[in-house]
Amino acid sequence: MKINENQRVGAVNPYKKSGEANFVQLAGKKTKPKDQVEISAEAKELLGAQGSVPTEEQTLRLEDLKKSVASGTYHVDAGKIAEKLLPYLK
């Protein structure tokens, strides 16, 4: 028994028709409208904070971590990792 026909004649896509209707309403324009993105001031502030220069304290901490990883003395506490992952697994 065939449930879905894969080559239907005259199949209609309602989304395509509604898009074409909107295009016809914009008769003054010859091209389709372009998508636009607006970024809020708060988002711009967060993006700016990501690209900020690290402080001297952050740089020293990073260097210490790099040295301990390179020397093999860096210890990972599995319990802390599990505590942080647990909320995402529930």
PDB file of N, CA and C in Angstrom:
ATOM      1  N   MET A   1       0.840  -1.178   0.000  1.00  0.00           N
ATOM      2  CA  MET A   1       0.000   0.000   0.000  1.00  0.00           C
ATOM      3  C   MET A   1       0.885   1.240   0.000  1.00  0.00           C
ATOM      4  N   LYS A   2       0.575   2.172  -0.854  1.00  0.00           N
ATOM      5  CA  LYS A   2       1.355   3.394  -0.986  1.00  0.00           C
ATOM      6  C   LYS A   2       0.635   4.506  -0.211  1.00  0.00           C
ATOM      7  N   ILE A   3       1.318   5.077   0.759  1.00  0.00           N
ATOM      8  CA  ILE A   3       0.702   6.108   1.597  1.00  0.00           C
ATOM      9  C   ILE A   3       0.888   7.488   0.987  1.00  0.00           C
ATOM     10  N   ASN A   4       2.094   7.803   0.588  1.00  0.00           N
ATOM     11  CA  ASN A   4       2.412   9.123   0.043  1.00  0.00           C
ATOM     12  C   ASN A   4       2.762   9.022  -1.428  1.00  0.00           C
ATOM     13  N   GLU A   5       2.150   9.859  -2.217  1.00  0.00           N
ATOM     14  CA  GLU A   5       2.521   9.913  -3.619  1.00  0.00           C
ATOM     15  C   GLU A   5       3.688  10.870  -3.772  1.00  0.00           C
ATOM     16  N   ASN A   6       4.735  10.434  -4.433  1.00  0.00           N
ATOM     17  CA  ASN A   6       5.919  11.268  -4.525  1.00  0.00           C
ATOM     18  C   ASN A   6       5.948  12.147  -5.771  1.00  0.00           C
ATOM     19  N   GLN A   7       5.038  11.947  -6.710  1.00  0.00           N
ATOM     20  CA  GLN A   7       5.029  12.787  -7.910  1.00  0.00           C
ATOM     21  C   GLN A   7       3.618  13.300  -8.168  1.00  0.00           C
ATOM     22  N   ARG A   8       3.125  14.093  -7.248  1.00  0.00           N
ATOM     23  CA  ARG A   8       1.777  14.624  -7.375  1.00  0.00           C
ATOM     24  C   ARG A   8       1.738  15.716  -8.424  1.00  0.00           C
ATOM     25  N   VAL A   9       0.750  15.662  -9.284  1.00  0.00           N
ATOM     26  CA  VAL A   9       0.580  16.669 -10.320  1.00  0.00           C
ATOM     27  C   VAL A   9      -0.246  17.798  -9.728  1.00  0.00           C
ATOM     28  N   GLY A  10       0.228  19.013  -9.894  1.00  0.00           N
ATOM     29  CA  GLY A  10      -0.523  20.170  -9.426  1.00  0.00           C
ATOM     30  C   GLY A  10      -0.392  20.432  -7.941  1.00  0.00           C
ATOM     31  N   ALA A  11       0.658  19.910  -7.310  1.00  0.00           N
ATOM     32  CA  ALA A  11       0.850  20.162  -5.889  1.00  0.00           C
ATOM     33  C   ALA A  11       1.067  21.656  -5.664  1.00  0.00           C
ATOM     34  N   VAL A  12       0.498  22.177  -4.589  1.00  0.00           N
ATOM     35  CA  VAL A  12       0.541  23.613  -4.327  1.00  0.00           C
ATOM     36  C   VAL A  12       1.341  23.872  -3.062  1.00  0.00           C
ATOM     37  N   ASN A  13       2.233  24.822  -3.132  1.00  0.00           N
ATOM     38  CA  ASN A  13       2.979  25.260  -1.975  1.00  0.00           C
ATOM     39  C   ASN A  13       2.366  26.578  -1.512  1.00  0.00           C
ATOM     40  N   PRO A  14       1.599  26.582  -0.403  1.00  0.00           N
ATOM     41  CA  PRO A  14       0.919  27.806   0.027  1.00  0.00           C
ATOM     42  C   PRO A  14       1.889  28.925   0.417  1.00  0.00           C
ATOM     43  N   TYR A  15       3.075  28.571   0.904  1.00  0.00           N
ATOM     44  CA  TYR A  15       4.042  29.590   1.291  1.00  0.00           C
ATOM     45  C   TYR A  15       4.579  30.329   0.068  1.00  0.00           C
ATOM     46  N   LYS A  16       4.773  29.596  -1.001  1.00  0.00           N
ATOM     47  CA  LYS A  16       5.266  30.217  -2.222  1.00  0.00           C
ATOM     48  C   LYS A  16       4.227  31.195  -2.769  1.00  0.00           C
ATOM     49  N   LYS A  17       2.956  30.779  -2.739  1.00  0.00           N
ATOM     50  CA  LYS A  17       1.907  31.657  -3.246  1.00  0.00           C
ATOM     51  C   LYS A  17       1.792  32.923  -2.406  1.00  0.00           C
ATOM     52  N   SER A  18       1.902  32.817  -1.070  1.00  0.00           N
ATOM     53  CA  SER A  18       1.790  34.009  -0.233  1.00  0.00           C
ATOM     54  C   SER A  18       2.979  34.940  -0.474  1.00  0.00           C
ATOM     55  N   GLY A  19       4.151  34.363  -0.724  1.00  0.00           N
ATOM     56  CA  GLY A  19       5.316  35.187  -1.032  1.00  0.00           C
ATOM     57  C   GLY A  19       5.159  35.909  -2.348  1.00  0.00           C
ATOM     58  N   GLU A  20       4.578  35.226  -3.314  1.00  0.00           N
ATOM     59  CA  GLU A  20       4.337  35.862  -4.613  1.00  0.00           C
ATOM     60  C   GLU A  20       3.296  36.964  -4.493  1.00  0.00           C
ATOM     61  N   ALA A  21       2.306  36.762  -3.623  1.00  0.00           N
ATOM     62  CA  ALA A  21       1.280  37.783  -3.418  1.00  0.00           C
ATOM     63  C   ALA A  21       1.900  39.037  -2.821  1.00  0.00           C
ATOM     64  N   ASN A  22       2.799  38.870  -1.886  1.00  0.00           N
ATOM     65  CA  ASN A  22       3.487  40.024  -1.298  1.00  0.00           C
ATOM     66  C   ASN A  22       4.337  40.731  -2.343  1.00  0.00           C
ATOM     67  N   PHE A  23       4.931  39.956  -3.228  1.00  0.00           N
ATOM     68  CA  PHE A  23       5.767  40.525  -4.268  1.00  0.00           C
ATOM     69  C   PHE A  23       4.923  41.351  -5.238  1.00  0.00           C
ATOM     70  N   VAL A  24       3.723  40.875  -5.557  1.00  0.00           N
ATOM     71  CA  VAL A  24       2.836  41.595  -6.460  1.00  0.00           C
ATOM     72  C   VAL A  24       2.386  42.905  -5.831  1.00  0.00           C
ATOM     73  N   GLN A  25       2.202  42.923  -4.502  1.00  0.00           N
ATOM     74  CA  GLN A  25       1.782  44.140  -3.814  1.00  0.00           C
ATOM     75  C   GLN A  25       2.847  45.221  -3.916  1.00  0.00           C
ATOM     76  N   LEU A  26       4.079  44.826  -4.037  1.00  0.00           N
ATOM     77  CA  LEU A  26       5.174  45.785  -4.163  1.00  0.00           C
ATOM     78  C   LEU A  26       5.421  46.076  -5.635  1.00  0.00           C
ATOM     79  N   ALA A  27       4.369  46.454  -6.355  1.00  0.00           N
ATOM     80  CA  ALA A  27       4.452  46.634  -7.804  1.00  0.00           C
ATOM     81  C   ALA A  27       5.435  47.728  -8.201  1.00  0.00           C
ATOM     82  N   GLY A  28       5.673  48.699  -7.322  1.00  0.00           N
ATOM     83  CA  GLY A  28       6.588  49.785  -7.635  1.00  0.00           C
ATOM     84  C   GLY A  28       8.028  49.327  -7.710  1.00  0.00           C
ATOM     85  N   LYS A  29       8.340  48.226  -7.038  1.00  0.00           N
ATOM     86  CA  LYS A  29       9.713  47.719  -7.024  1.00  0.00           C
ATOM     87  C   LYS A  29       9.834  46.543  -7.981  1.00  0.00           C
ATOM     88  N   LYS A  30      10.960  46.439  -8.642  1.00  0.00           N
ATOM     89  CA  LYS A  30      11.179  45.362  -9.606  1.00  0.00           C
ATOM     90  C   LYS A  30      11.892  44.159  -8.972  1.00  0.00           C
ATOM     91  N   THR A  31      12.486  44.320  -7.787  1.00  0.00           N
ATOM     92  CA  THR A  31      13.203  43.226  -7.152  1.00  0.00           C
ATOM     93  C   THR A  31      12.494  42.820  -5.862  1.00  0.00           C
ATOM     94  N   LYS A  32      12.777  41.632  -5.417  1.00  0.00           N
ATOM     95  CA  LYS A  32      12.197  41.141  -4.169  1.00  0.00           C
ATOM     96  C   LYS A  32      12.809  41.905  -3.002  1.00  0.00           C
ATOM     97  N   PRO A  33      12.042  42.083  -1.923  1.00  0.00           N
ATOM     98  CA  PRO A  33      12.591  42.792  -0.764  1.00  0.00           C
ATOM     99  C   PRO A  33      13.730  41.999  -0.131  1.00  0.00           C
ATOM    100  N   LYS A  34      14.709  42.685   0.388  1.00  0.00           N
ATOM    101  CA  LYS A  34      15.874  42.065   1.003  1.00  0.00           C
ATOM    102  C   LYS A  34      15.610  41.821   2.484  1.00  0.00           C
ATOM    103  N   ASP A  35      16.244  40.792   3.043  1.00  0.00           N
ATOM    104  CA  ASP A  35      16.162  40.524   4.474  1.00  0.00           C
ATOM    105  C   ASP A  35      16.987  41.553   5.219  1.00  0.00           C
ATOM    106  N   GLN A  36      16.545  41.892   6.427  1.00  0.00           N
ATOM    107  CA  GLN A  36      17.262  42.863   7.237  1.00  0.00           C
ATOM    108  C   GLN A  36      17.464  42.305   8.634  1.00  0.00           C
ATOM    109  N   VAL A  37      18.567  42.678   9.243  1.00  0.00           N
ATOM    110  CA  VAL A  37      18.869  42.284  10.610  1.00  0.00           C
ATOM    111  C   VAL A  37      19.182  43.547  11.392  1.00  0.00           C
ATOM    112  N   GLU A  38      18.569  43.653  12.569  1.00  0.00           N
ATOM    113  CA  GLU A  38      18.849  44.784  13.445  1.00  0.00           C
ATOM    114  C   GLU A  38      19.440  44.245  14.740  1.00  0.00           C
ATOM    115  N   ILE A  39      20.580  44.774  15.126  1.00  0.00           N
ATOM    116  CA  ILE A  39      21.256  44.354  16.347  1.00  0.00           C
ATOM    117  C   ILE A  39      21.023  45.417  17.407  1.00  0.00           C
ATOM    118  N   SER A  40      20.527  44.988  18.564  1.00  0.00           N
ATOM    119  CA  SER A  40      20.212  45.935  19.633  1.00  0.00           C
ATOM    120  C   SER A  40      21.495  46.516  20.221  1.00  0.00           C
ATOM    121  N   ALA A  41      21.341  47.606  20.928  1.00  0.00           N
ATOM    122  CA  ALA A  41      22.490  48.263  21.560  1.00  0.00           C
ATOM    123  C   ALA A  41      23.122  47.341  22.600  1.00  0.00           C
ATOM    124  N   GLU A  42      22.276  46.576  23.313  1.00  0.00           N
ATOM    125  CA  GLU A  42      22.782  45.652  24.323  1.00  0.00           C
ATOM    126  C   GLU A  42      23.624  44.557  23.671  1.00  0.00           C
ATOM    127  N   ALA A  43      23.172  44.043  22.540  1.00  0.00           N
ATOM    128  CA  ALA A  43      23.925  43.018  21.831  1.00  0.00           C
ATOM    129  C   ALA A  43      25.251  43.572  21.316  1.00  0.00           C
ATOM    130  N   LYS A  44      25.224  44.803  20.834  1.00  0.00           N
ATOM    131  CA  LYS A  44      26.467  45.424  20.360  1.00  0.00           C
ATOM    132  C   LYS A  44      27.456  45.581  21.510  1.00  0.00           C
ATOM    133  N   GLU A  45      26.934  45.919  22.688  1.00  0.00           N
ATOM    134  CA  GLU A  45      27.795  46.067  23.857  1.00  0.00           C
ATOM    135  C   GLU A  45      28.427  44.729  24.225  1.00  0.00           C
ATOM    136  N   LEU A  46      27.629  43.648  24.167  1.00  0.00           N
ATOM    137  CA  LEU A  46      28.158  42.317  24.464  1.00  0.00           C
ATOM    138  C   LEU A  46      29.197  41.892  23.435  1.00  0.00           C
ATOM    139  N   LEU A  47      28.955  42.207  22.177  1.00  0.00           N
ATOM    140  CA  LEU A  47      29.931  41.875  21.144  1.00  0.00           C
ATOM    141  C   LEU A  47      31.232  42.640  21.355  1.00  0.00           C
ATOM    142  N   GLY A  48      31.121  43.887  21.784  1.00  0.00           N
ATOM    143  CA  GLY A  48      32.311  44.686  22.058  1.00  0.00           C
ATOM    144  C   GLY A  48      33.092  44.143  23.231  1.00  0.00           C
ATOM    145  N   ALA A  49      32.384  43.612  24.231  1.00  0.00           N
ATOM    146  CA  ALA A  49      33.049  43.062  25.414  1.00  0.00           C
ATOM    147  C   ALA A  49      33.813  41.792  25.076  1.00  0.00           C
ATOM    148  N   GLN A  50      33.352  41.035  24.101  1.00  0.00           N
ATOM    149  CA  GLN A  50      34.041  39.809  23.721  1.00  0.00           C
ATOM    150  C   GLN A  50      35.397  40.098  23.093  1.00  0.00           C
ATOM    151  N   GLY A  51      35.495  41.181  22.382  1.00  0.00           N
ATOM    152  CA  GLY A  51      36.739  41.499  21.703  1.00  0.00           C
ATOM    153  C   GLY A  51      37.675  42.356  22.533  1.00  0.00           C
ATOM    154  N   SER A  52      37.393  42.505  23.819  1.00  0.00           N
ATOM    155  CA  SER A  52      38.213  43.378  24.648  1.00  0.00           C
ATOM    156  C   SER A  52      39.570  42.750  24.926  1.00  0.00           C
ATOM    157  N   VAL A  53      40.512  43.578  25.252  1.00  0.00           N
ATOM    158  CA  VAL A  53      41.875  43.146  25.554  1.00  0.00           C
ATOM    159  C   VAL A  53      41.895  42.555  26.964  1.00  0.00           C
ATOM    160  N   PRO A  54      42.488  41.361  27.135  1.00  0.00           N
ATOM    161  CA  PRO A  54      42.523  40.750  28.469  1.00  0.00           C
ATOM    162  C   PRO A  54      43.376  41.570  29.435  1.00  0.00           C
ATOM    163  N   THR A  55      42.964  41.554  30.698  1.00  0.00           N
ATOM    164  CA  THR A  55      43.712  42.283  31.719  1.00  0.00           C
ATOM    165  C   THR A  55      45.014  41.549  32.020  1.00  0.00           C
ATOM    166  N   GLU A  56      45.879  42.216  32.778  1.00  0.00           N
ATOM    167  CA  GLU A  56      47.166  41.606  33.133  1.00  0.00           C
ATOM    168  C   GLU A  56      46.947  40.370  33.994  1.00  0.00           C
ATOM    169  N   GLU A  57      45.956  40.434  34.884  1.00  0.00           N
ATOM    170  CA  GLU A  57      45.646  39.288  35.743  1.00  0.00           C
ATOM    171  C   GLU A  57      45.173  38.086  34.915  1.00  0.00           C
ATOM    172  N   GLN A  58      44.344  38.341  33.910  1.00  0.00           N
ATOM    173  CA  GLN A  58      43.863  37.262  33.043  1.00  0.00           C
ATOM    174  C   GLN A  58      45.015  36.657  32.242  1.00  0.00           C
ATOM    175  N   THR A  59      45.901  37.497  31.770  1.00  0.00           N
ATOM    176  CA  THR A  59      47.051  37.025  30.995  1.00  0.00           C
ATOM    177  C   THR A  59      47.959  36.147  31.850  1.00  0.00           C
ATOM    178  N   LEU A  60      48.218  36.571  33.100  1.00  0.00           N
ATOM    179  CA  LEU A  60      49.059  35.771  33.997  1.00  0.00           C
ATOM    180  C   LEU A  60      48.401  34.431  34.314  1.00  0.00           C
ATOM    181  N   ARG A  61      47.090  34.436  34.556  1.00  0.00           N
ATOM    182  CA  ARG A  61      46.361  33.195  34.851  1.00  0.00           C
ATOM    183  C   ARG A  61      46.432  32.237  33.658  1.00  0.00           C
ATOM    184  N   LEU A  62      46.286  32.778  32.467  1.00  0.00           N
ATOM    185  CA  LEU A  62      46.352  31.960  31.259  1.00  0.00           C
ATOM    186  C   LEU A  62      47.740  31.355  31.081  1.00  0.00           C
ATOM    187  N   GLU A  63      48.764  32.134  31.332  1.00  0.00           N
ATOM    188  CA  GLU A  63      50.136  31.622  31.214  1.00  0.00           C
ATOM    189  C   GLU A  63      50.391  30.515  32.226  1.00  0.00           C
ATOM    190  N   ASP A  64      49.904  30.691  33.469  1.00  0.00           N
ATOM    191  CA  ASP A  64      50.070  29.648  34.492  1.00  0.00           C
ATOM    192  C   ASP A  64      49.376  28.359  34.066  1.00  0.00           C
ATOM    193  N   LEU A  65      48.169  28.500  33.510  1.00  0.00           N
ATOM    194  CA  LEU A  65      47.453  27.314  33.045  1.00  0.00           C
ATOM    195  C   LEU A  65      48.190  26.616  31.907  1.00  0.00           C
ATOM    196  N   LYS A  66      48.724  27.397  30.975  1.00  0.00           N
ATOM    197  CA  LYS A  66      49.478  26.816  29.862  1.00  0.00           C
ATOM    198  C   LYS A  66      50.702  26.048  30.363  1.00  0.00           C
ATOM    199  N   LYS A  67      51.403  26.626  31.344  1.00  0.00           N
ATOM    200  CA  LYS A  67      52.601  25.973  31.895  1.00  0.00           C
ATOM    201  C   LYS A  67      52.241  24.672  32.604  1.00  0.00           C
ATOM    202  N   SER A  68      51.151  24.700  33.398  1.00  0.00           N
ATOM    203  CA  SER A  68      50.779  23.488  34.136  1.00  0.00           C
ATOM    204  C   SER A  68      50.299  22.386  33.187  1.00  0.00           C
ATOM    205  N   VAL A  69      49.618  22.749  32.117  1.00  0.00           N
ATOM    206  CA  VAL A  69      49.196  21.746  31.134  1.00  0.00           C
ATOM    207  C   VAL A  69      50.410  21.179  30.415  1.00  0.00           C
ATOM    208  N   ALA A  70      51.347  22.047  30.041  1.00  0.00           N
ATOM    209  CA  ALA A  70      52.542  21.595  29.327  1.00  0.00           C
ATOM    210  C   ALA A  70      53.401  20.682  30.199  1.00  0.00           C
ATOM    211  N   SER A  71      53.465  20.961  31.503  1.00  0.00           N
ATOM    212  CA  SER A  71      54.297  20.149  32.385  1.00  0.00           C
ATOM    213  C   SER A  71      53.573  18.905  32.892  1.00  0.00           C
ATOM    214  N   GLY A  72      52.265  18.835  32.664  1.00  0.00           N
ATOM    215  CA  GLY A  72      51.502  17.661  33.090  1.00  0.00           C
ATOM    216  C   GLY A  72      51.019  17.722  34.522  1.00  0.00           C
ATOM    217  N   THR A  73      51.069  18.886  35.141  1.00  0.00           N
ATOM    218  CA  THR A  73      50.644  19.014  36.537  1.00  0.00           C
ATOM    219  C   THR A  73      49.225  19.575  36.677  1.00  0.00           C
ATOM    220  N   TYR A  74      48.559  19.838  35.578  1.00  0.00           N
ATOM    221  CA  TYR A  74      47.198  20.383  35.637  1.00  0.00           C
ATOM    222  C   TYR A  74      46.237  19.265  36.010  1.00  0.00           C
ATOM    223  N   HIS A  75      45.428  19.483  37.047  1.00  0.00           N
ATOM    224  CA  HIS A  75      44.481  18.474  37.525  1.00  0.00           C
ATOM    225  C   HIS A  75      43.057  18.932  37.232  1.00  0.00           C
ATOM    226  N   VAL A  76      42.290  18.049  36.619  1.00  0.00           N
ATOM    227  CA  VAL A  76      40.896  18.335  36.310  1.00  0.00           C
ATOM    228  C   VAL A  76      40.030  17.658  37.366  1.00  0.00           C
ATOM    229  N   ASP A  77      39.171  18.439  38.033  1.00  0.00           N
ATOM    230  CA  ASP A  77      38.274  17.885  39.045  1.00  0.00           C
ATOM    231  C   ASP A  77      37.001  17.404  38.356  1.00  0.00           C
ATOM    232  N   ALA A  78      36.869  16.095  38.226  1.00  0.00           N
ATOM    233  CA  ALA A  78      35.725  15.515  37.530  1.00  0.00           C
ATOM    234  C   ALA A  78      34.411  15.848  38.225  1.00  0.00           C
ATOM    235  N   GLY A  79      34.426  15.997  39.515  1.00  0.00           N
ATOM    236  CA  GLY A  79      33.212  16.337  40.256  1.00  0.00           C
ATOM    237  C   GLY A  79      32.668  17.696  39.872  1.00  0.00           C
ATOM    238  N   LYS A  80      33.555  18.672  39.711  1.00  0.00           N
ATOM    239  CA  LYS A  80      33.116  20.012  39.319  1.00  0.00           C
ATOM    240  C   LYS A  80      32.563  20.014  37.899  1.00  0.00           C
ATOM    241  N   ILE A  81      33.188  19.259  37.019  1.00  0.00           N
ATOM    242  CA  ILE A  81      32.699  19.173  35.642  1.00  0.00           C
ATOM    243  C   ILE A  81      31.314  18.530  35.626  1.00  0.00           C
ATOM    244  N   ALA A  82      31.136  17.466  36.410  1.00  0.00           N
ATOM    245  CA  ALA A  82      29.843  16.793  36.472  1.00  0.00           C
ATOM    246  C   ALA A  82      28.764  17.721  37.014  1.00  0.00           C
ATOM    247  N   GLU A  83      29.093  18.529  38.029  1.00  0.00           N
ATOM    248  CA  GLU A  83      28.119  19.476  38.586  1.00  0.00           C
ATOM    249  C   GLU A  83      27.675  20.499  37.546  1.00  0.00           C
ATOM    250  N   LYS A  84      28.593  20.949  36.723  1.00  0.00           N
ATOM    251  CA  LYS A  84      28.270  21.943  35.706  1.00  0.00           C
ATOM    252  C   LYS A  84      27.472  21.335  34.551  1.00  0.00           C
ATOM    253  N   LEU A  85      27.727  20.065  34.216  1.00  0.00           N
ATOM    254  CA  LEU A  85      27.032  19.414  33.112  1.00  0.00           C
ATOM    255  C   LEU A  85      25.647  18.888  33.497  1.00  0.00           C
ATOM    256  N   LEU A  86      25.456  18.583  34.772  1.00  0.00           N
ATOM    257  CA  LEU A  86      24.219  17.976  35.226  1.00  0.00           C
ATOM    258  C   LEU A  86      22.958  18.762  34.846  1.00  0.00           C
ATOM    259  N   PRO A  87      22.923  20.092  35.004  1.00  0.00           N
ATOM    260  CA  PRO A  87      21.702  20.826  34.618  1.00  0.00           C
ATOM    261  C   PRO A  87      21.343  20.686  33.136  1.00  0.00           C
ATOM    262  N   TYR A  88      22.322  20.488  32.272  1.00  0.00           N
ATOM    263  CA  TYR A  88      22.067  20.363  30.853  1.00  0.00           C
ATOM    264  C   TYR A  88      21.542  18.978  30.478  1.00  0.00           C
ATOM    265  N   LEU A  89      21.805  17.991  31.320  1.00  0.00           N
ATOM    266  CA  LEU A  89      21.396  16.629  31.038  1.00  0.00           C
ATOM    267  C   LEU A  89      20.026  16.285  31.588  1.00  0.00           C
ATOM    268  N   LYS A  90      19.492  17.143  32.447  1.00  0.00           N
ATOM    269  CA  LYS A  90      18.161  16.888  33.028  1.00  0.00           C
ATOM    270  C   LYS A  90      17.068  17.238  32.064  1.00  0.00           C
TER     271      LYS A  90
END
